[in-house]
Every structure is written in structure tokens, then in C-alpha cells.
mmCIF file of all heavy atoms, coordinates in Angstrom:
data_MODEL
# 
_entry.id   MODEL 
# 
loop_
_atom_site.group_PDB 
_atom_site.id 
_atom_site.type_symbol 
_atom_site.label_atom_id 
_atom_site.label_alt_id 
_atom_site.label_comp_id 
_atom_site.label_asym_id 
_atom_site.label_entity_id 
_atom_site.label_seq_id 
_atom_site.pdbx_PDB_ins_code 
_atom_site.Cartn_x 
_atom_site.Cartn_y 
_atom_site.Cartn_z 
_atom_site.occupancy 
_atom_site.B_iso_or_equiv 
_atom_site.pdbx_formal_charge 
_atom_site.auth_seq_id 
_atom_site.auth_comp_id 
_atom_site.auth_asym_id 
_atom_site.auth_atom_id 
_atom_site.pdbx_PDB_model_num 
ATOM 1   N N   . THR A 1 1  ? -92.293 -42.694 96.439  1.00 0.00 ? 1  THR A N   1 
ATOM 2   C CA  . THR A 1 1  ? -92.811 -42.557 97.792  1.00 0.00 ? 1  THR A CA  1 
ATOM 3   C C   . THR A 1 1  ? -92.630 -43.896 98.536  1.00 0.00 ? 1  THR A C   1 
ATOM 4   O O   . THR A 1 1  ? -92.927 -44.975 97.870  1.00 0.00 ? 1  THR A O   1 
ATOM 5   C CB  . THR A 1 1  ? -94.262 -42.118 97.800  1.00 0.00 ? 1  THR A CB  1 
ATOM 6   O OG1 . THR A 1 1  ? -94.975 -42.884 96.816  1.00 0.00 ? 1  THR A OG1 1 
ATOM 7   C CG2 . THR A 1 1  ? -94.390 -40.641 97.439  1.00 0.00 ? 1  THR A CG2 1 
ATOM 8   N N   . PRO A 1 2  ? -92.151 -43.870 99.716  1.00 0.00 ? 2  PRO A N   1 
ATOM 9   C CA  . PRO A 1 2  ? -91.926 -45.117 100.471 1.00 0.00 ? 2  PRO A CA  1 
ATOM 10  C C   . PRO A 1 2  ? -93.213 -45.977 100.475 1.00 0.00 ? 2  PRO A C   1 
ATOM 11  O O   . PRO A 1 2  ? -94.285 -45.515 100.690 1.00 0.00 ? 2  PRO A O   1 
ATOM 12  C CB  . PRO A 1 2  ? -91.579 -44.695 101.912 1.00 0.00 ? 2  PRO A CB  1 
ATOM 13  C CG  . PRO A 1 2  ? -91.076 -43.236 101.725 1.00 0.00 ? 2  PRO A CG  1 
ATOM 14  C CD  . PRO A 1 2  ? -91.830 -42.719 100.535 1.00 0.00 ? 2  PRO A CD  1 
ATOM 15  N N   . GLY A 1 3  ? -93.058 -47.230 100.122 1.00 0.00 ? 3  GLY A N   1 
ATOM 16  C CA  . GLY A 1 3  ? -94.142 -48.215 100.148 1.00 0.00 ? 3  GLY A CA  1 
ATOM 17  C C   . GLY A 1 3  ? -94.910 -48.334 98.910  1.00 0.00 ? 3  GLY A C   1 
ATOM 18  O O   . GLY A 1 3  ? -95.536 -49.320 98.588  1.00 0.00 ? 3  GLY A O   1 
ATOM 19  N N   . SER A 1 4  ? -94.919 -47.262 98.060  1.00 0.00 ? 4  SER A N   1 
ATOM 20  C CA  . SER A 1 4  ? -95.736 -47.344 96.836  1.00 0.00 ? 4  SER A CA  1 
ATOM 21  C C   . SER A 1 4  ? -94.881 -47.177 95.544  1.00 0.00 ? 4  SER A C   1 
ATOM 22  O O   . SER A 1 4  ? -95.435 -47.080 94.441  1.00 0.00 ? 4  SER A O   1 
ATOM 23  C CB  . SER A 1 4  ? -96.853 -46.380 96.847  1.00 0.00 ? 4  SER A CB  1 
ATOM 24  O OG  . SER A 1 4  ? -96.408 -45.060 97.073  1.00 0.00 ? 4  SER A OG  1 
ATOM 25  N N   . GLY A 1 5  ? -93.572 -47.032 95.659  1.00 0.00 ? 5  GLY A N   1 
ATOM 26  C CA  . GLY A 1 5  ? -92.685 -46.966 94.474  1.00 0.00 ? 5  GLY A CA  1 
ATOM 27  C C   . GLY A 1 5  ? -92.727 -45.644 93.691  1.00 0.00 ? 5  GLY A C   1 
ATOM 28  O O   . GLY A 1 5  ? -93.119 -44.689 94.296  1.00 0.00 ? 5  GLY A O   1 
ATOM 29  N N   . PHE A 1 6  ? -92.442 -45.734 92.415  1.00 0.00 ? 6  PHE A N   1 
ATOM 30  C CA  . PHE A 1 6  ? -92.333 -44.521 91.591  1.00 0.00 ? 6  PHE A CA  1 
ATOM 31  C C   . PHE A 1 6  ? -93.699 -44.211 90.945  1.00 0.00 ? 6  PHE A C   1 
ATOM 32  O O   . PHE A 1 6  ? -94.295 -45.125 90.364  1.00 0.00 ? 6  PHE A O   1 
ATOM 33  C CB  . PHE A 1 6  ? -91.262 -44.662 90.561  1.00 0.00 ? 6  PHE A CB  1 
ATOM 34  C CG  . PHE A 1 6  ? -89.876 -44.418 91.034  1.00 0.00 ? 6  PHE A CG  1 
ATOM 35  C CD1 . PHE A 1 6  ? -89.200 -45.454 91.658  1.00 0.00 ? 6  PHE A CD1 1 
ATOM 36  C CD2 . PHE A 1 6  ? -89.285 -43.150 90.978  1.00 0.00 ? 6  PHE A CD2 1 
ATOM 37  C CE1 . PHE A 1 6  ? -87.895 -45.218 92.169  1.00 0.00 ? 6  PHE A CE1 1 
ATOM 38  C CE2 . PHE A 1 6  ? -88.013 -42.943 91.465  1.00 0.00 ? 6  PHE A CE2 1 
ATOM 39  C CZ  . PHE A 1 6  ? -87.304 -44.003 92.040  1.00 0.00 ? 6  PHE A CZ  1 
ATOM 40  N N   . SER A 1 7  ? -94.121 -43.000 90.935  1.00 0.00 ? 7  SER A N   1 
ATOM 41  C CA  . SER A 1 7  ? -95.252 -42.546 90.175  1.00 0.00 ? 7  SER A CA  1 
ATOM 42  C C   . SER A 1 7  ? -95.022 -41.228 89.515  1.00 0.00 ? 7  SER A C   1 
ATOM 43  O O   . SER A 1 7  ? -94.121 -40.481 89.947  1.00 0.00 ? 7  SER A O   1 
ATOM 44  C CB  . SER A 1 7  ? -96.517 -42.463 91.048  1.00 0.00 ? 7  SER A CB  1 
ATOM 45  O OG  . SER A 1 7  ? -96.258 -41.518 92.101  1.00 0.00 ? 7  SER A OG  1 
ATOM 46  N N   . VAL A 1 8  ? -95.742 -40.927 88.428  1.00 0.00 ? 8  VAL A N   1 
ATOM 47  C CA  . VAL A 1 8  ? -95.465 -39.696 87.640  1.00 0.00 ? 8  VAL A CA  1 
ATOM 48  C C   . VAL A 1 8  ? -96.070 -38.546 88.392  1.00 0.00 ? 8  VAL A C   1 
ATOM 49  O O   . VAL A 1 8  ? -97.293 -38.539 88.774  1.00 0.00 ? 8  VAL A O   1 
ATOM 50  C CB  . VAL A 1 8  ? -96.148 -39.794 86.289  1.00 0.00 ? 8  VAL A CB  1 
ATOM 51  C CG1 . VAL A 1 8  ? -96.077 -38.465 85.523  1.00 0.00 ? 8  VAL A CG1 1 
ATOM 52  C CG2 . VAL A 1 8  ? -95.484 -40.894 85.449  1.00 0.00 ? 8  VAL A CG2 1 
ATOM 53  N N   . ILE A 1 9  ? -95.265 -37.479 88.714  1.00 0.00 ? 9  ILE A N   1 
ATOM 54  C CA  . ILE A 1 9  ? -95.754 -36.280 89.378  1.00 0.00 ? 9  ILE A CA  1 
ATOM 55  C C   . ILE A 1 9  ? -95.937 -35.154 88.389  1.00 0.00 ? 9  ILE A C   1 
ATOM 56  O O   . ILE A 1 9  ? -96.559 -34.134 88.734  1.00 0.00 ? 9  ILE A O   1 
ATOM 57  C CB  . ILE A 1 9  ? -94.897 -35.889 90.582  1.00 0.00 ? 9  ILE A CB  1 
ATOM 58  C CG1 . ILE A 1 9  ? -93.430 -35.632 90.100  1.00 0.00 ? 9  ILE A CG1 1 
ATOM 59  C CG2 . ILE A 1 9  ? -94.949 -36.884 91.739  1.00 0.00 ? 9  ILE A CG2 1 
ATOM 60  C CD1 . ILE A 1 9  ? -92.600 -34.950 91.172  1.00 0.00 ? 9  ILE A CD1 1 
ATOM 61  N N   . LYS A 1 10 ? -95.379 -35.282 87.216  1.00 0.00 ? 10 LYS A N   1 
ATOM 62  C CA  . LYS A 1 10 ? -95.513 -34.213 86.219  1.00 0.00 ? 10 LYS A CA  1 
ATOM 63  C C   . LYS A 1 10 ? -95.348 -34.831 84.819  1.00 0.00 ? 10 LYS A C   1 
ATOM 64  O O   . LYS A 1 10 ? -94.372 -35.580 84.533  1.00 0.00 ? 10 LYS A O   1 
ATOM 65  C CB  . LYS A 1 10 ? -94.400 -33.103 86.447  1.00 0.00 ? 10 LYS A CB  1 
ATOM 66  C CG  . LYS A 1 10 ? -94.303 -32.089 85.355  1.00 0.00 ? 10 LYS A CG  1 
ATOM 67  C CD  . LYS A 1 10 ? -95.540 -31.216 85.250  1.00 0.00 ? 10 LYS A CD  1 
ATOM 68  C CE  . LYS A 1 10 ? -95.510 -30.219 84.111  1.00 0.00 ? 10 LYS A CE  1 
ATOM 69  N NZ  . LYS A 1 10 ? -96.780 -29.467 83.948  1.00 0.00 ? 10 LYS A NZ  1 
ATOM 70  N N   . LYS A 1 11 ? -96.276 -34.424 83.968  1.00 0.00 ? 11 LYS A N   1 
ATOM 71  C CA  . LYS A 1 11 ? -96.169 -34.782 82.491  1.00 0.00 ? 11 LYS A CA  1 
ATOM 72  C C   . LYS A 1 11 ? -96.010 -33.457 81.726  1.00 0.00 ? 11 LYS A C   1 
ATOM 73  O O   . LYS A 1 11 ? -96.847 -32.622 81.803  1.00 0.00 ? 11 LYS A O   1 
ATOM 74  C CB  . LYS A 1 11 ? -97.451 -35.527 82.009  1.00 0.00 ? 11 LYS A CB  1 
ATOM 75  C CG  . LYS A 1 11 ? -97.366 -35.892 80.543  1.00 0.00 ? 11 LYS A CG  1 
ATOM 76  C CD  . LYS A 1 11 ? -98.601 -36.691 80.131  1.00 0.00 ? 11 LYS A CD  1 
ATOM 77  C CE  . LYS A 1 11 ? -98.490 -37.147 78.698  1.00 0.00 ? 11 LYS A CE  1 
ATOM 78  N NZ  . LYS A 1 11 ? -99.690 -37.967 78.315  1.00 0.00 ? 11 LYS A NZ  1 
ATOM 79  N N   . HIS A 1 12 ? -94.833 -33.363 81.176  1.00 0.00 ? 12 HIS A N   1 
ATOM 80  C CA  . HIS A 1 12 ? -94.452 -32.099 80.416  1.00 0.00 ? 12 HIS A CA  1 
ATOM 81  C C   . HIS A 1 12 ? -94.714 -32.407 78.910  1.00 0.00 ? 12 HIS A C   1 
ATOM 82  O O   . HIS A 1 12 ? -94.005 -33.197 78.300  1.00 0.00 ? 12 HIS A O   1 
ATOM 83  C CB  . HIS A 1 12 ? -92.967 -31.812 80.676  1.00 0.00 ? 12 HIS A CB  1 
ATOM 84  C CG  . HIS A 1 12 ? -92.409 -30.674 79.851  1.00 0.00 ? 12 HIS A CG  1 
ATOM 85  N ND1 . HIS A 1 12 ? -93.069 -29.468 79.719  1.00 0.00 ? 12 HIS A ND1 1 
ATOM 86  C CD2 . HIS A 1 12 ? -91.190 -30.614 79.206  1.00 0.00 ? 12 HIS A CD2 1 
ATOM 87  C CE1 . HIS A 1 12 ? -92.267 -28.703 78.966  1.00 0.00 ? 12 HIS A CE1 1 
ATOM 88  N NE2 . HIS A 1 12 ? -91.149 -29.367 78.635  1.00 0.00 ? 12 HIS A NE2 1 
ATOM 89  N N   . ASP A 1 13 ? -95.813 -31.801 78.417  1.00 0.00 ? 13 ASP A N   1 
ATOM 90  C CA  . ASP A 1 13 ? -96.193 -32.159 77.000  1.00 0.00 ? 13 ASP A CA  1 
ATOM 91  C C   . ASP A 1 13 ? -96.274 -30.885 76.080  1.00 0.00 ? 13 ASP A C   1 
ATOM 92  O O   . ASP A 1 13 ? -97.091 -30.846 75.212  1.00 0.00 ? 13 ASP A O   1 
ATOM 93  C CB  . ASP A 1 13 ? -97.559 -32.882 77.037  1.00 0.00 ? 13 ASP A CB  1 
ATOM 94  C CG  . ASP A 1 13 ? -98.634 -32.087 77.745  1.00 0.00 ? 13 ASP A CG  1 
ATOM 95  O OD1 . ASP A 1 13 ? -98.305 -30.943 78.105  1.00 0.00 ? 13 ASP A OD1 1 
ATOM 96  O OD2 . ASP A 1 13 ? -99.748 -32.573 77.955  1.00 0.00 ? 13 ASP A OD2 1 
ATOM 97  N N   . LYS A 1 14 ? -95.345 -29.971 76.328  1.00 0.00 ? 14 LYS A N   1 
ATOM 98  C CA  . LYS A 1 14 ? -95.330 -28.776 75.532  1.00 0.00 ? 14 LYS A CA  1 
ATOM 99  C C   . LYS A 1 14 ? -94.556 -28.896 74.227  1.00 0.00 ? 14 LYS A C   1 
ATOM 100 O O   . LYS A 1 14 ? -94.526 -27.909 73.374  1.00 0.00 ? 14 LYS A O   1 
ATOM 101 C CB  . LYS A 1 14 ? -94.728 -27.595 76.316  1.00 0.00 ? 14 LYS A CB  1 
ATOM 102 C CG  . LYS A 1 14 ? -95.518 -27.234 77.591  1.00 0.00 ? 14 LYS A CG  1 
ATOM 103 C CD  . LYS A 1 14 ? -96.747 -26.502 77.271  1.00 0.00 ? 14 LYS A CD  1 
ATOM 104 C CE  . LYS A 1 14 ? -97.416 -25.915 78.526  1.00 0.00 ? 14 LYS A CE  1 
ATOM 105 N NZ  . LYS A 1 14 ? -98.039 -26.889 79.352  1.00 0.00 ? 14 LYS A NZ  1 
ATOM 106 N N   . HIS A 1 15 ? -93.916 -30.009 74.025  1.00 0.00 ? 15 HIS A N   1 
ATOM 107 C CA  . HIS A 1 15 ? -93.152 -30.192 72.714  1.00 0.00 ? 15 HIS A CA  1 
ATOM 108 C C   . HIS A 1 15 ? -94.060 -30.879 71.661  1.00 0.00 ? 15 HIS A C   1 
ATOM 109 O O   . HIS A 1 15 ? -94.926 -31.711 72.076  1.00 0.00 ? 15 HIS A O   1 
ATOM 110 C CB  . HIS A 1 15 ? -91.909 -30.994 72.967  1.00 0.00 ? 15 HIS A CB  1 
ATOM 111 C CG  . HIS A 1 15 ? -90.817 -30.257 73.684  1.00 0.00 ? 15 HIS A CG  1 
ATOM 112 N ND1 . HIS A 1 15 ? -90.048 -29.239 73.048  1.00 0.00 ? 15 HIS A ND1 1 
ATOM 113 C CD2 . HIS A 1 15 ? -90.390 -30.297 74.982  1.00 0.00 ? 15 HIS A CD2 1 
ATOM 114 C CE1 . HIS A 1 15 ? -89.211 -28.747 73.897  1.00 0.00 ? 15 HIS A CE1 1 
ATOM 115 N NE2 . HIS A 1 15 ? -89.445 -29.366 75.096  1.00 0.00 ? 15 HIS A NE2 1 
ATOM 116 N N   . GLN A 1 16 ? -93.786 -30.581 70.400  1.00 0.00 ? 16 GLN A N   1 
ATOM 117 C CA  . GLN A 1 16 ? -94.614 -31.183 69.313  1.00 0.00 ? 16 GLN A CA  1 
ATOM 118 C C   . GLN A 1 16 ? -93.940 -32.308 68.629  1.00 0.00 ? 16 GLN A C   1 
ATOM 119 O O   . GLN A 1 16 ? -94.421 -32.774 67.608  1.00 0.00 ? 16 GLN A O   1 
ATOM 120 C CB  . GLN A 1 16 ? -94.861 -30.018 68.266  1.00 0.00 ? 16 GLN A CB  1 
ATOM 121 C CG  . GLN A 1 16 ? -96.019 -29.122 68.637  1.00 0.00 ? 16 GLN A CG  1 
ATOM 122 C CD  . GLN A 1 16 ? -95.507 -28.022 69.648  1.00 0.00 ? 16 GLN A CD  1 
ATOM 123 O OE1 . GLN A 1 16 ? -94.450 -27.440 69.485  1.00 0.00 ? 16 GLN A OE1 1 
ATOM 124 N NE2 . GLN A 1 16 ? -96.326 -27.887 70.719  1.00 0.00 ? 16 GLN A NE2 1 
ATOM 125 N N   . ALA A 1 17 ? -92.797 -32.746 69.147  1.00 0.00 ? 17 ALA A N   1 
ATOM 126 C CA  . ALA A 1 17 ? -92.092 -33.882 68.508  1.00 0.00 ? 17 ALA A CA  1 
ATOM 127 C C   . ALA A 1 17 ? -91.257 -34.587 69.531  1.00 0.00 ? 17 ALA A C   1 
ATOM 128 O O   . ALA A 1 17 ? -91.299 -34.150 70.742  1.00 0.00 ? 17 ALA A O   1 
ATOM 129 C CB  . ALA A 1 17 ? -91.246 -33.389 67.337  1.00 0.00 ? 17 ALA A CB  1 
ATOM 130 N N   . SER A 1 18 ? -90.510 -35.575 69.131  1.00 0.00 ? 18 SER A N   1 
ATOM 131 C CA  . SER A 1 18 ? -89.678 -36.365 70.014  1.00 0.00 ? 18 SER A CA  1 
ATOM 132 C C   . SER A 1 18 ? -88.790 -35.472 70.923  1.00 0.00 ? 18 SER A C   1 
ATOM 133 O O   . SER A 1 18 ? -88.213 -34.525 70.440  1.00 0.00 ? 18 SER A O   1 
ATOM 134 C CB  . SER A 1 18 ? -88.734 -37.244 69.177  1.00 0.00 ? 18 SER A CB  1 
ATOM 135 O OG  . SER A 1 18 ? -87.841 -37.911 69.977  1.00 0.00 ? 18 SER A OG  1 
ATOM 136 N N   . VAL A 1 19 ? -88.807 -35.816 72.246  1.00 0.00 ? 19 VAL A N   1 
ATOM 137 C CA  . VAL A 1 19 ? -87.867 -35.106 73.122  1.00 0.00 ? 19 VAL A CA  1 
ATOM 138 C C   . VAL A 1 19 ? -86.651 -36.022 73.290  1.00 0.00 ? 19 VAL A C   1 
ATOM 139 O O   . VAL A 1 19 ? -86.722 -37.153 73.786  1.00 0.00 ? 19 VAL A O   1 
ATOM 140 C CB  . VAL A 1 19 ? -88.536 -34.818 74.517  1.00 0.00 ? 19 VAL A CB  1 
ATOM 141 C CG1 . VAL A 1 19 ? -87.530 -34.099 75.427  1.00 0.00 ? 19 VAL A CG1 1 
ATOM 142 C CG2 . VAL A 1 19 ? -89.811 -34.002 74.392  1.00 0.00 ? 19 VAL A CG2 1 
ATOM 143 N N   . ASN A 1 20 ? -85.502 -35.489 72.821  1.00 0.00 ? 20 ASN A N   1 
ATOM 144 C CA  . ASN A 1 20 ? -84.298 -36.354 72.606  1.00 0.00 ? 20 ASN A CA  1 
ATOM 145 C C   . ASN A 1 20 ? -83.329 -36.291 73.801  1.00 0.00 ? 20 ASN A C   1 
ATOM 146 O O   . ASN A 1 20 ? -82.529 -37.209 73.978  1.00 0.00 ? 20 ASN A O   1 
ATOM 147 C CB  . ASN A 1 20 ? -83.575 -35.918 71.366  1.00 0.00 ? 20 ASN A CB  1 
ATOM 148 C CG  . ASN A 1 20 ? -84.466 -35.998 70.110  1.00 0.00 ? 20 ASN A CG  1 
ATOM 149 O OD1 . ASN A 1 20 ? -85.207 -36.987 69.957  1.00 0.00 ? 20 ASN A OD1 1 
ATOM 150 N ND2 . ASN A 1 20 ? -84.436 -34.996 69.296  1.00 0.00 ? 20 ASN A ND2 1 
ATOM 151 N N   . ALA A 1 21 ? -83.392 -35.263 74.591  1.00 0.00 ? 21 ALA A N   1 
ATOM 152 C CA  . ALA A 1 21 ? -82.342 -35.038 75.666  1.00 0.00 ? 21 ALA A CA  1 
ATOM 153 C C   . ALA A 1 21 ? -82.891 -34.288 76.834  1.00 0.00 ? 21 ALA A C   1 
ATOM 154 O O   . ALA A 1 21 ? -83.701 -33.398 76.695  1.00 0.00 ? 21 ALA A O   1 
ATOM 155 C CB  . ALA A 1 21 ? -81.136 -34.321 75.071  1.00 0.00 ? 21 ALA A CB  1 
ATOM 156 N N   . ILE A 1 22 ? -82.475 -34.722 78.011  1.00 0.00 ? 22 ILE A N   1 
ATOM 157 C CA  . ILE A 1 22 ? -82.817 -34.059 79.253  1.00 0.00 ? 22 ILE A CA  1 
ATOM 158 C C   . ILE A 1 22 ? -81.648 -33.932 80.141  1.00 0.00 ? 22 ILE A C   1 
ATOM 159 O O   . ILE A 1 22 ? -80.738 -34.809 80.131  1.00 0.00 ? 22 ILE A O   1 
ATOM 160 C CB  . ILE A 1 22 ? -84.004 -34.761 80.039  1.00 0.00 ? 22 ILE A CB  1 
ATOM 161 C CG1 . ILE A 1 22 ? -83.672 -36.275 80.089  1.00 0.00 ? 22 ILE A CG1 1 
ATOM 162 C CG2 . ILE A 1 22 ? -85.351 -34.489 79.352  1.00 0.00 ? 22 ILE A CG2 1 
ATOM 163 C CD1 . ILE A 1 22 ? -84.679 -37.049 80.943  1.00 0.00 ? 22 ILE A CD1 1 
ATOM 164 N N   . ALA A 1 23 ? -81.604 -32.906 81.012  1.00 0.00 ? 23 ALA A N   1 
ATOM 165 C CA  . ALA A 1 23 ? -80.520 -32.754 82.007  1.00 0.00 ? 23 ALA A CA  1 
ATOM 166 C C   . ALA A 1 23 ? -80.961 -31.891 83.133  1.00 0.00 ? 23 ALA A C   1 
ATOM 167 O O   . ALA A 1 23 ? -81.518 -30.763 82.973  1.00 0.00 ? 23 ALA A O   1 
ATOM 168 C CB  . ALA A 1 23 ? -79.312 -32.189 81.328  1.00 0.00 ? 23 ALA A CB  1 
ATOM 169 N N   . TRP A 1 24 ? -80.845 -32.359 84.360  1.00 0.00 ? 24 TRP A N   1 
ATOM 170 C CA  . TRP A 1 24 ? -81.136 -31.569 85.533  1.00 0.00 ? 24 TRP A CA  1 
ATOM 171 C C   . TRP A 1 24 ? -80.010 -30.553 85.714  1.00 0.00 ? 24 TRP A C   1 
ATOM 172 O O   . TRP A 1 24 ? -78.814 -30.918 85.531  1.00 0.00 ? 24 TRP A O   1 
ATOM 173 C CB  . TRP A 1 24 ? -81.142 -32.465 86.792  1.00 0.00 ? 24 TRP A CB  1 
ATOM 174 C CG  . TRP A 1 24 ? -82.401 -33.317 86.838  1.00 0.00 ? 24 TRP A CG  1 
ATOM 175 C CD1 . TRP A 1 24 ? -82.496 -34.643 86.608  1.00 0.00 ? 24 TRP A CD1 1 
ATOM 176 C CD2 . TRP A 1 24 ? -83.686 -32.917 87.285  1.00 0.00 ? 24 TRP A CD2 1 
ATOM 177 N NE1 . TRP A 1 24 ? -83.763 -35.082 86.800  1.00 0.00 ? 24 TRP A NE1 1 
ATOM 178 C CE2 . TRP A 1 24 ? -84.517 -34.075 87.207  1.00 0.00 ? 24 TRP A CE2 1 
ATOM 179 C CE3 . TRP A 1 24 ? -84.292 -31.727 87.668  1.00 0.00 ? 24 TRP A CE3 1 
ATOM 180 C CZ2 . TRP A 1 24 ? -85.891 -34.045 87.514  1.00 0.00 ? 24 TRP A CZ2 1 
ATOM 181 C CZ3 . TRP A 1 24 ? -85.665 -31.632 87.963  1.00 0.00 ? 24 TRP A CZ3 1 
ATOM 182 C CH2 . TRP A 1 24 ? -86.459 -32.804 87.920  1.00 0.00 ? 24 TRP A CH2 1 
ATOM 183 N N   . ALA A 1 25 ? -80.383 -29.357 86.115  1.00 0.00 ? 25 ALA A N   1 
ATOM 184 C CA  . ALA A 1 25 ? -79.412 -28.343 86.377  1.00 0.00 ? 25 ALA A CA  1 
ATOM 185 C C   . ALA A 1 25 ? -78.539 -28.703 87.655  1.00 0.00 ? 25 ALA A C   1 
ATOM 186 O O   . ALA A 1 25 ? -78.970 -29.502 88.430  1.00 0.00 ? 25 ALA A O   1 
ATOM 187 C CB  . ALA A 1 25 ? -80.099 -26.978 86.624  1.00 0.00 ? 25 ALA A CB  1 
ATOM 188 N N   . PRO A 1 26 ? -77.368 -28.094 87.794  1.00 0.00 ? 26 PRO A N   1 
ATOM 189 C CA  . PRO A 1 26 ? -76.596 -28.304 89.093  1.00 0.00 ? 26 PRO A CA  1 
ATOM 190 C C   . PRO A 1 26 ? -77.568 -27.922 90.210  1.00 0.00 ? 26 PRO A C   1 
ATOM 191 O O   . PRO A 1 26 ? -78.326 -26.974 90.049  1.00 0.00 ? 26 PRO A O   1 
ATOM 192 C CB  . PRO A 1 26 ? -75.484 -27.270 88.911  1.00 0.00 ? 26 PRO A CB  1 
ATOM 193 C CG  . PRO A 1 26 ? -75.283 -27.109 87.412  1.00 0.00 ? 26 PRO A CG  1 
ATOM 194 C CD  . PRO A 1 26 ? -76.601 -27.220 86.810  1.00 0.00 ? 26 PRO A CD  1 
# 
């Protein structure tokens, strides 16, 4: 957000172990 930098808007915690890979869809 302009002026205040990056902040977390969502924490996705449904996995029970290391999350190794992520990719945004087209």
C-alpha cells in the first residue's frame, strides 16, 4: 500500500508440512 510498504493480507496455513512451491495462475 502506498506509503506503508508491504504487509500480509492472507496467511494460508492449511498445510501440515513445508510448502515447497507456489505459482500464480495466468
